[in-house]
Amino acid sequence: TEISKDSALMPKLAEAARGFDKDDPNTFFVYRILGEVASQAKAIDISVESYRRCLEIRPGVPFVYRALLAVLWEGKKYQELLEASKKAIDDNPGSK
């Protein structure tokens, strides 16, 4: 089955991910995969939410920031992109 942003499956996947306990070690990976799937499906808002939840669980993970910034760029969410870029730099001081 092809997943698109209009697919009824995307909101169901997002809702299922929200049911995971933040302290469960698998929760980070659930949100990471959901972010990737949502990005490919052009479900930008779900992808952004998923990557942000990844960063709540494990702050400062560089590859999650890269994915988040790419999705924000693709979604033309330039103000959020600017804010997330600044946060990525603050969270990863070695990247300055």
C-alpha atoms as a PDB file:
ATOM      1  CA  THR A   1       0.000   0.000   0.000  1.00  0.00           C
ATOM      2  CA  GLU A   2       1.353   3.396  -0.955  1.00  0.00           C
ATOM      3  CA  ILE A   3       1.359   5.936   1.842  1.00  0.00           C
ATOM      4  CA  SER A   4       0.659   9.539   0.952  1.00  0.00           C
ATOM      5  CA  LYS A   5      -0.058  12.631   3.018  1.00  0.00           C
ATOM      6  CA  ASP A   6      -3.742  12.143   2.209  1.00  0.00           C
ATOM      7  CA  SER A   7      -3.707   8.537   3.331  1.00  0.00           C
ATOM      8  CA  ALA A   8      -5.852   7.774   6.359  1.00  0.00           C
ATOM      9  CA  LEU A   9      -2.909   5.730   7.576  1.00  0.00           C
ATOM     10  CA  MET A  10      -0.673   8.733   8.402  1.00  0.00           C
ATOM     11  CA  PRO A  11      -2.803  10.140  11.261  1.00  0.00           C
ATOM     12  CA  LYS A  12      -3.287   6.609  12.611  1.00  0.00           C
ATOM     13  CA  LEU A  13       0.470   6.032  12.647  1.00  0.00           C
ATOM     14  CA  ALA A  14       1.014   9.364  14.395  1.00  0.00           C
ATOM     15  CA  GLU A  15      -1.635   8.551  16.993  1.00  0.00           C
ATOM     16  CA  ALA A  16      -0.117   5.117  17.620  1.00  0.00           C
ATOM     17  CA  ALA A  17       3.313   6.702  18.146  1.00  0.00           C
ATOM     18  CA  ARG A  18       1.872   9.111  20.719  1.00  0.00           C
ATOM     19  CA  GLY A  19       0.782   6.081  22.750  1.00  0.00           C
ATOM     20  CA  PHE A  20       4.384   5.014  23.397  1.00  0.00           C
ATOM     21  CA  ASP A  21       5.886   5.804  26.777  1.00  0.00           C
ATOM     22  CA  LYS A  22       8.555   8.511  26.484  1.00  0.00           C
ATOM     23  CA  ASP A  23      10.846   6.439  28.731  1.00  0.00           C
ATOM     24  CA  ASP A  24      10.557   3.332  26.555  1.00  0.00           C
ATOM     25  CA  PRO A  25      13.852   3.006  24.652  1.00  0.00           C
ATOM     26  CA  ASN A  26      11.959   2.130  21.469  1.00  0.00           C
ATOM     27  CA  THR A  27       9.979   5.378  21.444  1.00  0.00           C
ATOM     28  CA  PHE A  28      12.844   7.343  19.887  1.00  0.00           C
ATOM     29  CA  PHE A  29      13.051   4.851  17.020  1.00  0.00           C
ATOM     30  CA  VAL A  30       9.271   4.815  16.528  1.00  0.00           C
ATOM     31  CA  TYR A  31       9.262   8.598  16.090  1.00  0.00           C
ATOM     32  CA  ARG A  32      12.354   8.499  13.888  1.00  0.00           C
ATOM     33  CA  ILE A  33      10.768   5.985  11.525  1.00  0.00           C
ATOM     34  CA  LEU A  34       7.458   7.849  11.561  1.00  0.00           C
ATOM     35  CA  GLY A  35       9.334  11.045  10.687  1.00  0.00           C
ATOM     36  CA  GLU A  36      10.975   9.334   7.725  1.00  0.00           C
ATOM     37  CA  VAL A  37       7.763   7.727   6.481  1.00  0.00           C
ATOM     38  CA  ALA A  38       5.812  10.957   6.889  1.00  0.00           C
ATOM     39  CA  SER A  39       8.532  12.874   5.054  1.00  0.00           C
ATOM     40  CA  GLN A  40       8.412  10.475   2.120  1.00  0.00           C
ATOM     41  CA  ALA A  41       4.627  10.739   2.106  1.00  0.00           C
ATOM     42  CA  LYS A  42       4.901  14.561   2.095  1.00  0.00           C
ATOM     43  CA  ALA A  43       3.020  14.673   5.410  1.00  0.00           C
ATOM     44  CA  ILE A  44       5.221  17.542   6.561  1.00  0.00           C
ATOM     45  CA  ASP A  45       3.428  18.402   9.818  1.00  0.00           C
ATOM     46  CA  ILE A  46       3.520  14.800  11.048  1.00  0.00           C
ATOM     47  CA  SER A  47       7.166  14.493  10.060  1.00  0.00           C
ATOM     48  CA  VAL A  48       8.101  17.720  11.863  1.00  0.00           C
ATOM     49  CA  GLU A  49       6.208  16.641  14.986  1.00  0.00           C
ATOM     50  CA  SER A  50       7.910  13.245  14.917  1.00  0.00           C
ATOM     51  CA  TYR A  51      11.421  14.643  14.607  1.00  0.00           C
ATOM     52  CA  ARG A  52      10.725  17.173  17.359  1.00  0.00           C
ATOM     53  CA  ARG A  53       9.580  14.387  19.637  1.00  0.00           C
ATOM     54  CA  CYS A  54      12.820  12.539  18.857  1.00  0.00           C
ATOM     55  CA  LEU A  55      14.714  15.607  20.018  1.00  0.00           C
ATOM     56  CA  GLU A  56      12.645  15.802  23.210  1.00  0.00           C
ATOM     57  CA  ILE A  57      13.635  12.222  23.997  1.00  0.00           C
ATOM     58  CA  ARG A  58      17.283  12.560  22.900  1.00  0.00           C
ATOM     59  CA  PRO A  59      18.244  16.221  22.640  1.00  0.00           C
ATOM     60  CA  GLY A  60      20.955  17.275  20.241  1.00  0.00           C
ATOM     61  CA  VAL A  61      21.091  14.236  17.950  1.00  0.00           C
ATOM     62  CA  PRO A  62      22.689  15.660  14.774  1.00  0.00           C
ATOM     63  CA  PHE A  63      21.064  13.334  12.220  1.00  0.00           C
ATOM     64  CA  VAL A  64      17.616  14.101  13.630  1.00  0.00           C
ATOM     65  CA  TYR A  65      18.304  17.813  13.276  1.00  0.00           C
ATOM     66  CA  ARG A  66      19.427  17.249   9.667  1.00  0.00           C
ATOM     67  CA  ALA A  67      16.195  15.399   8.919  1.00  0.00           C
ATOM     68  CA  LEU A  68      14.073  18.030  10.684  1.00  0.00           C
ATOM     69  CA  LEU A  69      15.766  20.887   8.836  1.00  0.00           C
ATOM     70  CA  ALA A  70      15.304  19.119   5.494  1.00  0.00           C
ATOM     71  CA  VAL A  71      11.593  18.590   6.147  1.00  0.00           C
ATOM     72  CA  LEU A  72      11.113  22.197   7.252  1.00  0.00           C
ATOM     73  CA  TRP A  73      12.856  23.352   4.053  1.00  0.00           C
ATOM     74  CA  GLU A  74      10.713  21.055   1.923  1.00  0.00           C
ATOM     75  CA  GLY A  75       7.580  22.309   3.673  1.00  0.00           C
ATOM     76  CA  LYS A  76       8.653  25.950   3.154  1.00  0.00           C
ATOM     77  CA  LYS A  77       8.436  26.544   6.895  1.00  0.00           C
ATOM     78  CA  TYR A  78      11.265  29.045   6.829  1.00  0.00           C
ATOM     79  CA  GLN A  79      10.724  30.703  10.219  1.00  0.00           C
ATOM     80  CA  GLU A  80      10.643  27.303  11.923  1.00  0.00           C
ATOM     81  CA  LEU A  81      13.702  26.322   9.878  1.00  0.00           C
ATOM     82  CA  LEU A  82      15.602  29.342  11.171  1.00  0.00           C
ATOM     83  CA  GLU A  83      14.619  28.626  14.784  1.00  0.00           C
ATOM     84  CA  ALA A  84      15.480  24.919  14.500  1.00  0.00           C
ATOM     85  CA  SER A  85      18.823  25.773  12.872  1.00  0.00           C
ATOM     86  CA  LYS A  86      19.742  28.035  15.794  1.00  0.00           C
ATOM     87  CA  LYS A  87      18.711  25.317  18.261  1.00  0.00           C
ATOM     88  CA  ALA A  88      20.757  22.712  16.374  1.00  0.00           C
ATOM     89  CA  ILE A  89      23.837  24.930  16.621  1.00  0.00           C
ATOM     90  CA  ASP A  90      23.228  25.590  20.330  1.00  0.00           C
ATOM     91  CA  ASP A  91      22.716  21.875  21.017  1.00  0.00           C
ATOM     92  CA  ASN A  92      25.839  20.891  19.051  1.00  0.00           C
ATOM     93  CA  PRO A  93      28.509  23.431  20.016  1.00  0.00           C
ATOM     94  CA  GLY A  94      31.191  21.521  18.108  1.00  0.00           C
ATOM     95  CA  SER A  95      29.362  22.290  14.857  1.00  0.00           C
ATOM     96  CA  LYS A  96      30.012  26.059  15.047  1.00  0.00           C
END
